[in-house]
């Protein structure tokens, strides 16, 4: 959250995967999402799969999703296989976040 606030972007925060899905369903559009691997009540990979299903059902453009993890290759692979576009490492460094945002948007 602190890193994003320095980039002059609007931020929405959810405390669980279920809360995040509810927010996503009731919001017009996010430019990108950062989904933590170990979210409570619905894992990061499960949430990403639900978001992708929702986008397909509603026929809306795909949102860029970054998986967020401090774990190893297995978790990174699981996030990407579930539909994440890229991975943010924990702890997240400003340079990595900035590079990913530039890669996927005009921020």
PDB file of N, CA and C in Angstrom:
ATOM      1  N   UNK A   1       0.832  -1.195   0.000  1.00  0.00           N
ATOM      2  CA  UNK A   1       0.000   0.000   0.000  1.00  0.00           C
ATOM      3  C   UNK A   1       0.877   1.259   0.000  1.00  0.00           C
ATOM      4  N   UNK A   2       1.937   1.252   0.822  1.00  0.00           N
ATOM      5  CA  UNK A   2       2.828   2.409   0.879  1.00  0.00           C
ATOM      6  C   UNK A   2       3.509   2.648  -0.467  1.00  0.00           C
ATOM      7  N   UNK A   3       3.948   1.568  -1.119  1.00  0.00           N
ATOM      8  CA  UNK A   3       4.602   1.718  -2.426  1.00  0.00           C
ATOM      9  C   UNK A   3       3.633   2.287  -3.451  1.00  0.00           C
ATOM     10  N   UNK A   4       2.409   1.794  -3.474  1.00  0.00           N
ATOM     11  CA  UNK A   4       1.428   2.263  -4.455  1.00  0.00           C
ATOM     12  C   UNK A   4       1.065   3.715  -4.235  1.00  0.00           C
ATOM     13  N   UNK A   5       1.009   4.149  -2.996  1.00  0.00           N
ATOM     14  CA  UNK A   5       0.634   5.535  -2.729  1.00  0.00           C
ATOM     15  C   UNK A   5       1.660   6.516  -3.287  1.00  0.00           C
ATOM     16  N   UNK A   6       2.904   6.091  -3.439  1.00  0.00           N
ATOM     17  CA  UNK A   6       3.925   6.971  -4.009  1.00  0.00           C
ATOM     18  C   UNK A   6       3.797   7.081  -5.530  1.00  0.00           C
ATOM     19  N   UNK A   7       2.992   6.210  -6.139  1.00  0.00           N
ATOM     20  CA  UNK A   7       2.844   6.202  -7.595  1.00  0.00           C
ATOM     21  C   UNK A   7       1.605   6.941  -8.074  1.00  0.00           C
ATOM     22  N   UNK A   8       0.908   7.604  -7.165  1.00  0.00           N
ATOM     23  CA  UNK A   8      -0.272   8.388  -7.524  1.00  0.00           C
ATOM     24  C   UNK A   8      -1.341   7.544  -8.215  1.00  0.00           C
ATOM     25  N   UNK A   9      -1.717   6.419  -7.579  1.00  0.00           N
ATOM     26  CA  UNK A   9      -2.776   5.558  -8.087  1.00  0.00           C
ATOM     27  C   UNK A   9      -3.847   5.402  -7.019  1.00  0.00           C
ATOM     28  N   UNK A  10      -5.077   5.128  -7.451  1.00  0.00           N
ATOM     29  CA  UNK A  10      -6.150   4.828  -6.508  1.00  0.00           C
ATOM     30  C   UNK A  10      -5.986   3.395  -6.034  1.00  0.00           C
ATOM     31  N   UNK A  11      -6.224   3.176  -4.751  1.00  0.00           N
ATOM     32  CA  UNK A  11      -5.988   1.873  -4.148  1.00  0.00           C
ATOM     33  C   UNK A  11      -7.278   1.372  -3.502  1.00  0.00           C
ATOM     34  N   UNK A  12      -7.583   0.114  -3.731  1.00  0.00           N
ATOM     35  CA  UNK A  12      -8.661  -0.570  -3.023  1.00  0.00           C
ATOM     36  C   UNK A  12      -8.052  -1.763  -2.315  1.00  0.00           C
ATOM     37  N   UNK A  13      -8.442  -2.000  -1.075  1.00  0.00           N
ATOM     38  CA  UNK A  13      -7.843  -3.072  -0.281  1.00  0.00           C
ATOM     39  C   UNK A  13      -8.937  -3.985   0.250  1.00  0.00           C
ATOM     40  N   UNK A  14      -8.691  -5.291   0.173  1.00  0.00           N
ATOM     41  CA  UNK A  14      -9.614  -6.283   0.722  1.00  0.00           C
ATOM     42  C   UNK A  14      -8.850  -7.148   1.719  1.00  0.00           C
ATOM     43  N   UNK A  15      -9.526  -7.578   2.771  1.00  0.00           N
ATOM     44  CA  UNK A  15      -8.858  -8.380   3.790  1.00  0.00           C
ATOM     45  C   UNK A  15      -8.977  -9.880   3.543  1.00  0.00           C
ATOM     46  N   UNK A  16      -9.775 -10.280   2.556  1.00  0.00           N
ATOM     47  CA  UNK A  16      -9.902 -11.698   2.223  1.00  0.00           C
ATOM     48  C   UNK A  16     -10.230 -11.843   0.741  1.00  0.00           C
ATOM     49  N   UNK A  17     -10.073 -13.047   0.235  1.00  0.00           N
ATOM     50  CA  UNK A  17     -10.406 -13.312  -1.157  1.00  0.00           C
ATOM     51  C   UNK A  17     -11.882 -13.109  -1.440  1.00  0.00           C
ATOM     52  N   UNK A  18     -12.728 -13.490  -0.499  1.00  0.00           N
ATOM     53  CA  UNK A  18     -14.178 -13.332  -0.680  1.00  0.00           C
ATOM     54  C   UNK A  18     -14.544 -11.852  -0.734  1.00  0.00           C
ATOM     55  N   UNK A  19     -13.975 -11.052   0.151  1.00  0.00           N
ATOM     56  CA  UNK A  19     -14.228  -9.608   0.135  1.00  0.00           C
ATOM     57  C   UNK A  19     -13.721  -8.993  -1.182  1.00  0.00           C
ATOM     58  N   UNK A  20     -12.551  -9.421  -1.622  1.00  0.00           N
ATOM     59  CA  UNK A  20     -11.990  -8.898  -2.878  1.00  0.00           C
ATOM     60  C   UNK A  20     -12.917  -9.199  -4.050  1.00  0.00           C
ATOM     61  N   UNK A  21     -13.445 -10.420  -4.118  1.00  0.00           N
ATOM     62  CA  UNK A  21     -14.334 -10.785  -5.224  1.00  0.00           C
ATOM     63  C   UNK A  21     -15.603  -9.949  -5.195  1.00  0.00           C
ATOM     64  N   UNK A  22     -16.126  -9.687  -4.022  1.00  0.00           N
ATOM     65  CA  UNK A  22     -17.316  -8.851  -3.879  1.00  0.00           C
ATOM     66  C   UNK A  22     -17.045  -7.434  -4.377  1.00  0.00           C
ATOM     67  N   UNK A  23     -15.904  -6.888  -4.006  1.00  0.00           N
ATOM     68  CA  UNK A  23     -15.533  -5.538  -4.446  1.00  0.00           C
ATOM     69  C   UNK A  23     -15.387  -5.500  -5.967  1.00  0.00           C
ATOM     70  N   UNK A  24     -14.721  -6.495  -6.518  1.00  0.00           N
ATOM     71  CA  UNK A  24     -14.497  -6.546  -7.967  1.00  0.00           C
ATOM     72  C   UNK A  24     -15.824  -6.610  -8.716  1.00  0.00           C
ATOM     73  N   UNK A  25     -16.760  -7.394  -8.219  1.00  0.00           N
ATOM     74  CA  UNK A  25     -18.063  -7.532  -8.882  1.00  0.00           C
ATOM     75  C   UNK A  25     -18.863  -6.230  -8.851  1.00  0.00           C
ATOM     76  N   UNK A  26     -18.582  -5.385  -7.869  1.00  0.00           N
ATOM     77  CA  UNK A  26     -19.362  -4.149  -7.707  1.00  0.00           C
ATOM     78  C   UNK A  26     -18.595  -2.887  -8.095  1.00  0.00           C
ATOM     79  N   UNK A  27     -17.496  -3.053  -8.796  1.00  0.00           N
ATOM     80  CA  UNK A  27     -16.684  -1.920  -9.232  1.00  0.00           C
ATOM     81  C   UNK A  27     -16.619  -1.951 -10.750  1.00  0.00           C
ATOM     82  N   UNK A  28     -16.646  -0.782 -11.353  1.00  0.00           N
ATOM     83  CA  UNK A  28     -16.680  -0.744 -12.813  1.00  0.00           C
ATOM     84  C   UNK A  28     -15.423  -1.348 -13.440  1.00  0.00           C
ATOM     85  N   UNK A  29     -14.251  -1.035 -12.922  1.00  0.00           N
ATOM     86  CA  UNK A  29     -13.035  -1.560 -13.550  1.00  0.00           C
ATOM     87  C   UNK A  29     -11.804  -1.174 -12.736  1.00  0.00           C
ATOM     88  N   UNK A  30     -10.900  -2.122 -12.602  1.00  0.00           N
ATOM     89  CA  UNK A  30      -9.577  -1.846 -12.051  1.00  0.00           C
ATOM     90  C   UNK A  30      -8.571  -1.968 -13.176  1.00  0.00           C
ATOM     91  N   UNK A  31      -7.531  -1.146 -13.160  1.00  0.00           N
ATOM     92  CA  UNK A  31      -6.475  -1.258 -14.160  1.00  0.00           C
ATOM     93  C   UNK A  31      -5.584  -2.466 -13.882  1.00  0.00           C
ATOM     94  N   UNK A  32      -5.330  -2.715 -12.604  1.00  0.00           N
ATOM     95  CA  UNK A  32      -4.561  -3.894 -12.229  1.00  0.00           C
ATOM     96  C   UNK A  32      -4.908  -4.302 -10.812  1.00  0.00           C
ATOM     97  N   UNK A  33      -4.645  -5.576 -10.515  1.00  0.00           N
ATOM     98  CA  UNK A  33      -4.886  -6.131  -9.187  1.00  0.00           C
ATOM     99  C   UNK A  33      -3.610  -6.801  -8.705  1.00  0.00           C
ATOM    100  N   UNK A  34      -3.355  -6.687  -7.412  1.00  0.00           N
ATOM    101  CA  UNK A  34      -2.263  -7.424  -6.780  1.00  0.00           C
ATOM    102  C   UNK A  34      -2.929  -8.411  -5.834  1.00  0.00           C
ATOM    103  N   UNK A  35      -2.787  -9.692  -6.137  1.00  0.00           N
ATOM    104  CA  UNK A  35      -3.463 -10.747  -5.382  1.00  0.00           C
ATOM    105  C   UNK A  35      -2.425 -11.546  -4.603  1.00  0.00           C
ATOM    106  N   UNK A  36      -2.545 -11.543  -3.284  1.00  0.00           N
ATOM    107  CA  UNK A  36      -1.626 -12.281  -2.427  1.00  0.00           C
ATOM    108  C   UNK A  36      -1.907 -13.775  -2.517  1.00  0.00           C
ATOM    109  N   UNK A  37      -0.872 -14.573  -2.528  1.00  0.00           N
ATOM    110  CA  UNK A  37      -1.025 -16.021  -2.615  1.00  0.00           C
ATOM    111  C   UNK A  37      -1.813 -16.566  -1.425  1.00  0.00           C
ATOM    112  N   UNK A  38      -1.520 -16.087  -0.233  1.00  0.00           N
ATOM    113  CA  UNK A  38      -2.091 -16.671   0.979  1.00  0.00           C
ATOM    114  C   UNK A  38      -3.250 -15.892   1.565  1.00  0.00           C
ATOM    115  N   UNK A  39      -4.190 -15.453   0.734  1.00  0.00           N
ATOM    116  CA  UNK A  39      -5.339 -14.702   1.257  1.00  0.00           C
ATOM    117  C   UNK A  39      -6.233 -15.610   2.092  1.00  0.00           C
ATOM    118  N   UNK A  40      -6.833 -15.080   3.162  1.00  0.00           N
ATOM    119  CA  UNK A  40      -7.758 -15.882   3.965  1.00  0.00           C
ATOM    120  C   UNK A  40      -9.093 -16.107   3.243  1.00  0.00           C
ATOM    121  N   UNK A  41      -9.738 -17.215   3.548  1.00  0.00           N
ATOM    122  CA  UNK A  41     -11.082 -17.587   3.085  1.00  0.00           C
ATOM    123  C   UNK A  41     -11.173 -17.925   1.600  1.00  0.00           C
ATOM    124  N   UNK A  42     -10.186 -17.572   0.812  1.00  0.00           N
ATOM    125  CA  UNK A  42     -10.092 -17.961  -0.601  1.00  0.00           C
ATOM    126  C   UNK A  42      -8.654 -17.660  -1.014  1.00  0.00           C
ATOM    127  N   UNK A  43      -7.924 -18.671  -1.429  1.00  0.00           N
ATOM    128  CA  UNK A  43      -6.506 -18.453  -1.756  1.00  0.00           C
ATOM    129  C   UNK A  43      -6.350 -17.529  -2.958  1.00  0.00           C
ATOM    130  N   UNK A  44      -5.165 -17.000  -3.118  1.00  0.00           N
ATOM    131  CA  UNK A  44      -4.876 -16.144  -4.261  1.00  0.00           C
ATOM    132  C   UNK A  44      -5.172 -16.825  -5.591  1.00  0.00           C
ATOM    133  N   UNK A  45      -4.679 -18.058  -5.797  1.00  0.00           N
ATOM    134  CA  UNK A  45      -4.988 -18.739  -7.052  1.00  0.00           C
ATOM    135  C   UNK A  45      -6.495 -18.968  -7.259  1.00  0.00           C
ATOM    136  N   UNK A  46      -7.216 -19.297  -6.209  1.00  0.00           N
ATOM    137  CA  UNK A  46      -8.673 -19.466  -6.336  1.00  0.00           C
ATOM    138  C   UNK A  46      -9.336 -18.150  -6.724  1.00  0.00           C
ATOM    139  N   UNK A  47      -8.913 -17.063  -6.097  1.00  0.00           N
ATOM    140  CA  UNK A  47      -9.478 -15.747  -6.405  1.00  0.00           C
ATOM    141  C   UNK A  47      -9.197 -15.360  -7.856  1.00  0.00           C
ATOM    142  N   UNK A  48      -7.982 -15.590  -8.306  1.00  0.00           N
ATOM    143  CA  UNK A  48      -7.635 -15.256  -9.688  1.00  0.00           C
ATOM    144  C   UNK A  48      -8.513 -16.042 -10.658  1.00  0.00           C
ATOM    145  N   UNK A  49      -8.724 -17.324 -10.384  1.00  0.00           N
ATOM    146  CA  UNK A  49      -9.596 -18.137 -11.239  1.00  0.00           C
ATOM    147  C   UNK A  49     -11.014 -17.577 -11.259  1.00  0.00           C
ATOM    148  N   UNK A  50     -11.518 -17.175 -10.096  1.00  0.00           N
ATOM    149  CA  UNK A  50     -12.870 -16.600 -10.021  1.00  0.00           C
ATOM    150  C   UNK A  50     -12.967 -15.283 -10.788  1.00  0.00           C
ATOM    151  N   UNK A  51     -11.934 -14.467 -10.702  1.00  0.00           N
ATOM    152  CA  UNK A  51     -11.920 -13.195 -11.439  1.00  0.00           C
ATOM    153  C   UNK A  51     -11.950 -13.469 -12.941  1.00  0.00           C
ATOM    154  N   UNK A  52     -11.139 -14.403 -13.398  1.00  0.00           N
ATOM    155  CA  UNK A  52     -11.097 -14.722 -14.835  1.00  0.00           C
ATOM    156  C   UNK A  52     -12.445 -15.276 -15.311  1.00  0.00           C
ATOM    157  N   UNK A  53     -13.096 -16.106 -14.507  1.00  0.00           N
ATOM    158  CA  UNK A  53     -14.428 -16.617 -14.867  1.00  0.00           C
ATOM    159  C   UNK A  53     -15.428 -15.466 -14.955  1.00  0.00           C
ATOM    160  N   UNK A  54     -15.364 -14.557 -13.990  1.00  0.00           N
ATOM    161  CA  UNK A  54     -16.261 -13.392 -13.959  1.00  0.00           C
ATOM    162  C   UNK A  54     -16.060 -12.530 -15.204  1.00  0.00           C
ATOM    163  N   UNK A  55     -14.808 -12.271 -15.565  1.00  0.00           N
ATOM    164  CA  UNK A  55     -14.518 -11.473 -16.756  1.00  0.00           C
ATOM    165  C   UNK A  55     -15.092 -12.136 -18.014  1.00  0.00           C
ATOM    166  N   UNK A  56     -14.932 -13.446 -18.107  1.00  0.00           N
ATOM    167  CA  UNK A  56     -15.452 -14.173 -19.271  1.00  0.00           C
ATOM    168  C   UNK A  56     -16.977 -14.140 -19.320  1.00  0.00           C
ATOM    169  N   UNK A  57     -17.611 -14.364 -18.174  1.00  0.00           N
ATOM    170  CA  UNK A  57     -19.084 -14.354 -18.108  1.00  0.00           C
ATOM    171  C   UNK A  57     -19.648 -12.995 -18.492  1.00  0.00           C
ATOM    172  N   UNK A  58     -19.023 -11.935 -17.995  1.00  0.00           N
ATOM    173  CA  UNK A  58     -19.510 -10.578 -18.231  1.00  0.00           C
ATOM    174  C   UNK A  58     -18.984  -9.988 -19.542  1.00  0.00           C
ATOM    175  N   UNK A  59     -18.102 -10.741 -20.195  1.00  0.00           N
ATOM    176  CA  UNK A  59     -17.498 -10.283 -21.458  1.00  0.00           C
ATOM    177  C   UNK A  59     -16.856  -8.902 -21.317  1.00  0.00           C
ATOM    178  N   UNK A  60     -16.099  -8.764 -20.234  1.00  0.00           N
ATOM    179  CA  UNK A  60     -15.381  -7.515 -19.989  1.00  0.00           C
ATOM    180  C   UNK A  60     -13.892  -7.745 -20.235  1.00  0.00           C
ATOM    181  N   UNK A  61     -13.144  -6.694 -20.552  1.00  0.00           N
ATOM    182  CA  UNK A  61     -11.701  -6.866 -20.803  1.00  0.00           C
ATOM    183  C   UNK A  61     -10.986  -7.427 -19.571  1.00  0.00           C
ATOM    184  N   UNK A  62      -9.981  -8.247 -19.819  1.00  0.00           N
ATOM    185  CA  UNK A  62      -9.195  -8.806 -18.725  1.00  0.00           C
ATOM    186  C   UNK A  62      -8.437  -7.705 -17.999  1.00  0.00           C
ATOM    187  N   UNK A  63      -8.459  -7.785 -16.694  1.00  0.00           N
ATOM    188  CA  UNK A  63      -7.672  -6.896 -15.841  1.00  0.00           C
ATOM    189  C   UNK A  63      -6.284  -7.516 -15.692  1.00  0.00           C
ATOM    190  N   UNK A  64      -5.258  -6.703 -15.629  1.00  0.00           N
ATOM    191  CA  UNK A  64      -3.912  -7.213 -15.373  1.00  0.00           C
ATOM    192  C   UNK A  64      -3.837  -7.625 -13.907  1.00  0.00           C
ATOM    193  N   UNK A  65      -3.403  -8.855 -13.675  1.00  0.00           N
ATOM    194  CA  UNK A  65      -3.303  -9.373 -12.307  1.00  0.00           C
ATOM    195  C   UNK A  65      -1.860  -9.752 -12.019  1.00  0.00           C
ATOM    196  N   UNK A  66      -1.360  -9.241 -10.885  1.00  0.00           N
ATOM    197  CA  UNK A  66      -0.047  -9.623 -10.394  1.00  0.00           C
ATOM    198  C   UNK A  66      -0.239 -10.548  -9.202  1.00  0.00           C
ATOM    199  N   UNK A  67       0.334 -11.756  -9.250  1.00  0.00           N
ATOM    200  CA  UNK A  67       0.359 -12.627  -8.085  1.00  0.00           C
ATOM    201  C   UNK A  67       1.432 -12.130  -7.145  1.00  0.00           C
ATOM    202  N   UNK A  68       1.207 -12.236  -5.845  1.00  0.00           N
ATOM    203  CA  UNK A  68       2.125 -11.688  -4.847  1.00  0.00           C
ATOM    204  C   UNK A  68       2.509 -12.803  -3.882  1.00  0.00           C
ATOM    205  N   UNK A  69       3.788 -13.151  -3.833  1.00  0.00           N
ATOM    206  CA  UNK A  69       4.193 -14.258  -2.978  1.00  0.00           C
ATOM    207  C   UNK A  69       5.634 -14.132  -2.501  1.00  0.00           C
ATOM    208  N   UNK A  70       5.876 -14.702  -1.325  1.00  0.00           N
ATOM    209  CA  UNK A  70       7.241 -14.813  -0.798  1.00  0.00           C
ATOM    210  C   UNK A  70       7.702 -16.262  -0.904  1.00  0.00           C
ATOM    211  N   UNK A  71       6.829 -17.115  -1.430  1.00  0.00           N
ATOM    212  CA  UNK A  71       7.123 -18.540  -1.498  1.00  0.00           C
ATOM    213  C   UNK A  71       7.936 -18.878  -2.740  1.00  0.00           C
ATOM    214  N   UNK A  72       8.144 -20.150  -2.983  1.00  0.00           N
ATOM    215  CA  UNK A  72       9.011 -20.607  -4.053  1.00  0.00           C
ATOM    216  C   UNK A  72       8.329 -20.790  -5.391  1.00  0.00           C
ATOM    217  N   UNK A  73       9.010 -21.528  -6.246  1.00  0.00           N
ATOM    218  CA  UNK A  73       8.576 -21.732  -7.623  1.00  0.00           C
ATOM    219  C   UNK A  73       7.206 -22.385  -7.733  1.00  0.00           C
ATOM    220  N   UNK A  74       6.887 -23.311  -6.858  1.00  0.00           N
ATOM    221  CA  UNK A  74       5.582 -23.993  -6.897  1.00  0.00           C
ATOM    222  C   UNK A  74       4.442 -22.975  -6.792  1.00  0.00           C
ATOM    223  N   UNK A  75       4.535 -22.056  -5.840  1.00  0.00           N
ATOM    224  CA  UNK A  75       3.482 -21.061  -5.636  1.00  0.00           C
ATOM    225  C   UNK A  75       3.442 -20.059  -6.795  1.00  0.00           C
ATOM    226  N   UNK A  76       4.592 -19.671  -7.281  1.00  0.00           N
ATOM    227  CA  UNK A  76       4.656 -18.759  -8.427  1.00  0.00           C
ATOM    228  C   UNK A  76       3.979 -19.402  -9.633  1.00  0.00           C
ATOM    229  N   UNK A  77       4.298 -20.674  -9.885  1.00  0.00           N
ATOM    230  CA  UNK A  77       3.712 -21.412 -11.004  1.00  0.00           C
ATOM    231  C   UNK A  77       2.192 -21.520 -10.839  1.00  0.00           C
ATOM    232  N   UNK A  78       1.758 -21.794  -9.628  1.00  0.00           N
ATOM    233  CA  UNK A  78       0.318 -21.918  -9.343  1.00  0.00           C
ATOM    234  C   UNK A  78      -0.421 -20.597  -9.616  1.00  0.00           C
ATOM    235  N   UNK A  79       0.176 -19.487  -9.223  1.00  0.00           N
ATOM    236  CA  UNK A  79      -0.430 -18.181  -9.503  1.00  0.00           C
ATOM    237  C   UNK A  79      -0.534 -17.925 -11.002  1.00  0.00           C
ATOM    238  N   UNK A  80       0.525 -18.219 -11.725  1.00  0.00           N
ATOM    239  CA  UNK A  80       0.518 -17.998 -13.173  1.00  0.00           C
ATOM    240  C   UNK A  80      -0.464 -18.932 -13.869  1.00  0.00           C
ATOM    241  N   UNK A  81      -0.523 -20.190 -13.444  1.00  0.00           N
ATOM    242  CA  UNK A  81      -1.451 -21.148 -14.045  1.00  0.00           C
ATOM    243  C   UNK A  81      -2.904 -20.787 -13.761  1.00  0.00           C
ATOM    244  N   UNK A  82      -3.151 -20.110 -12.662  1.00  0.00           N
ATOM    245  CA  UNK A  82      -4.528 -19.728 -12.329  1.00  0.00           C
ATOM    246  C   UNK A  82      -4.985 -18.507 -13.121  1.00  0.00           C
ATOM    247  N   UNK A  83      -4.030 -17.821 -13.785  1.00  0.00           N
ATOM    248  CA  UNK A  83      -4.414 -16.690 -14.626  1.00  0.00           C
ATOM    249  C   UNK A  83      -3.713 -15.385 -14.334  1.00  0.00           C
ATOM    250  N   UNK A  84      -2.776 -15.372 -13.381  1.00  0.00           N
ATOM    251  CA  UNK A  84      -2.019 -14.141 -13.118  1.00  0.00           C
ATOM    252  C   UNK A  84      -1.162 -13.808 -14.332  1.00  0.00           C
ATOM    253  N   UNK A  85      -0.989 -12.520 -14.593  1.00  0.00           N
ATOM    254  CA  UNK A  85      -0.172 -12.080 -15.720  1.00  0.00           C
ATOM    255  C   UNK A  85       1.314 -12.040 -15.386  1.00  0.00           C
ATOM    256  N   UNK A  86       1.624 -11.803 -14.114  1.00  0.00           N
ATOM    257  CA  UNK A  86       3.019 -11.681 -13.702  1.00  0.00           C
ATOM    258  C   UNK A  86       3.083 -11.877 -12.193  1.00  0.00           C
ATOM    259  N   UNK A  87       4.292 -11.883 -11.649  1.00  0.00           N
ATOM    260  CA  UNK A  87       4.506 -12.126 -10.218  1.00  0.00           C
ATOM    261  C   UNK A  87       5.253 -10.951  -9.590  1.00  0.00           C
ATOM    262  N   UNK A  88       4.784 -10.548  -8.421  1.00  0.00           N
ATOM    263  CA  UNK A  88       5.493  -9.592  -7.563  1.00  0.00           C
ATOM    264  C   UNK A  88       6.073 -10.382  -6.395  1.00  0.00           C
ATOM    265  N   UNK A  89       7.345 -10.195  -6.128  1.00  0.00           N
ATOM    266  CA  UNK A  89       7.984 -10.897  -5.020  1.00  0.00           C
ATOM    267  C   UNK A  89       7.754 -10.154  -3.716  1.00  0.00           C
ATOM    268  N   UNK A  90       7.770 -10.909  -2.624  1.00  0.00           N
ATOM    269  CA  UNK A  90       7.753 -10.331  -1.284  1.00  0.00           C
ATOM    270  C   UNK A  90       9.151 -10.477  -0.716  1.00  0.00           C
ATOM    271  N   UNK A  91       9.675  -9.504  -0.050  1.00  0.00           N
ATOM    272  CA  UNK A  91       9.109  -8.161   0.049  1.00  0.00           C
ATOM    273  C   UNK A  91       9.209  -7.444  -1.295  1.00  0.00           C
ATOM    274  N   UNK A  92       8.200  -6.673  -1.600  1.00  0.00           N
ATOM    275  CA  UNK A  92       8.141  -5.969  -2.878  1.00  0.00           C
ATOM    276  C   UNK A  92       9.035  -4.742  -2.833  1.00  0.00           C
ATOM    277  N   UNK A  93       9.850  -4.617  -3.834  1.00  0.00           N
ATOM    278  CA  UNK A  93      10.726  -3.455  -3.983  1.00  0.00           C
ATOM    279  C   UNK A  93      10.075  -2.473  -4.947  1.00  0.00           C
ATOM    280  N   UNK A  94      10.271  -1.198  -4.713  1.00  0.00           N
ATOM    281  CA  UNK A  94       9.675  -0.159  -5.555  1.00  0.00           C
ATOM    282  C   UNK A  94      10.020  -0.367  -7.023  1.00  0.00           C
ATOM    283  N   UNK A  95      11.282  -0.685  -7.311  1.00  0.00           N
ATOM    284  CA  UNK A  95      11.714  -0.839  -8.705  1.00  0.00           C
ATOM    285  C   UNK A  95      10.957  -1.953  -9.415  1.00  0.00           C
ATOM    286  N   UNK A  96      10.744  -3.080  -8.739  1.00  0.00           N
ATOM    287  CA  UNK A  96      10.020  -4.193  -9.359  1.00  0.00           C
ATOM    288  C   UNK A  96       8.570  -3.797  -9.641  1.00  0.00           C
ATOM    289  N   UNK A  97       7.931  -3.162  -8.680  1.00  0.00           N
ATOM    290  CA  UNK A  97       6.551  -2.723  -8.865  1.00  0.00           C
ATOM    291  C   UNK A  97       6.459  -1.700  -9.987  1.00  0.00           C
ATOM    292  N   UNK A  98       7.334  -0.743  -9.989  1.00  0.00           N
ATOM    293  CA  UNK A  98       7.345   0.291 -11.019  1.00  0.00           C
ATOM    294  C   UNK A  98       7.547  -0.316 -12.411  1.00  0.00           C
ATOM    295  N   UNK A  99       8.470  -1.265 -12.538  1.00  0.00           N
ATOM    296  CA  UNK A  99       8.721  -1.930 -13.819  1.00  0.00           C
ATOM    297  C   UNK A  99       7.483  -2.663 -14.318  1.00  0.00           C
ATOM    298  N   UNK A 100       6.816  -3.398 -13.426  1.00  0.00           N
ATOM    299  CA  UNK A 100       5.621  -4.138 -13.830  1.00  0.00           C
ATOM    300  C   UNK A 100       4.495  -3.196 -14.247  1.00  0.00           C
ATOM    301  N   UNK A 101       4.313  -2.118 -13.508  1.00  0.00           N
ATOM    302  CA  UNK A 101       3.263  -1.165 -13.859  1.00  0.00           C
ATOM    303  C   UNK A 101       3.531  -0.538 -15.228  1.00  0.00           C
ATOM    304  N   UNK A 102       4.779  -0.197 -15.484  1.00  0.00           N
ATOM    305  CA  UNK A 102       5.139   0.368 -16.788  1.00  0.00           C
ATOM    306  C   UNK A 102       4.971  -0.655 -17.903  1.00  0.00           C
ATOM    307  N   UNK A 103       5.291  -1.894 -17.619  1.00  0.00           N
ATOM    308  CA  UNK A 103       5.185  -2.962 -18.608  1.00  0.00           C
ATOM    309  C   UNK A 103       3.734  -3.167 -19.056  1.00  0.00           C
ATOM    310  N   UNK A 104       2.794  -3.048 -18.112  1.00  0.00           N
ATOM    311  CA  UNK A 104       1.407  -3.377 -18.397  1.00  0.00           C
ATOM    312  C   UNK A 104       0.482  -2.181 -18.554  1.00  0.00           C
ATOM    313  N   UNK A 105       0.983  -0.963 -18.342  1.00  0.00           N
ATOM    314  CA  UNK A 105       0.092   0.189 -18.416  1.00  0.00           C
ATOM    315  C   UNK A 105       0.855   1.456 -18.772  1.00  0.00           C
ATOM    316  N   UNK A 106       0.130   2.553 -18.696  1.00  0.00           N
ATOM    317  CA  UNK A 106       0.748   3.854 -19.006  1.00  0.00           C
ATOM    318  C   UNK A 106       0.976   4.669 -17.748  1.00  0.00           C
ATOM    319  N   UNK A 107       1.066   4.013 -16.593  1.00  0.00           N
ATOM    320  CA  UNK A 107       1.279   4.729 -15.327  1.00  0.00           C
ATOM    321  C   UNK A 107       2.683   5.289 -15.293  1.00  0.00           C
TER     322      UNK A 107
END
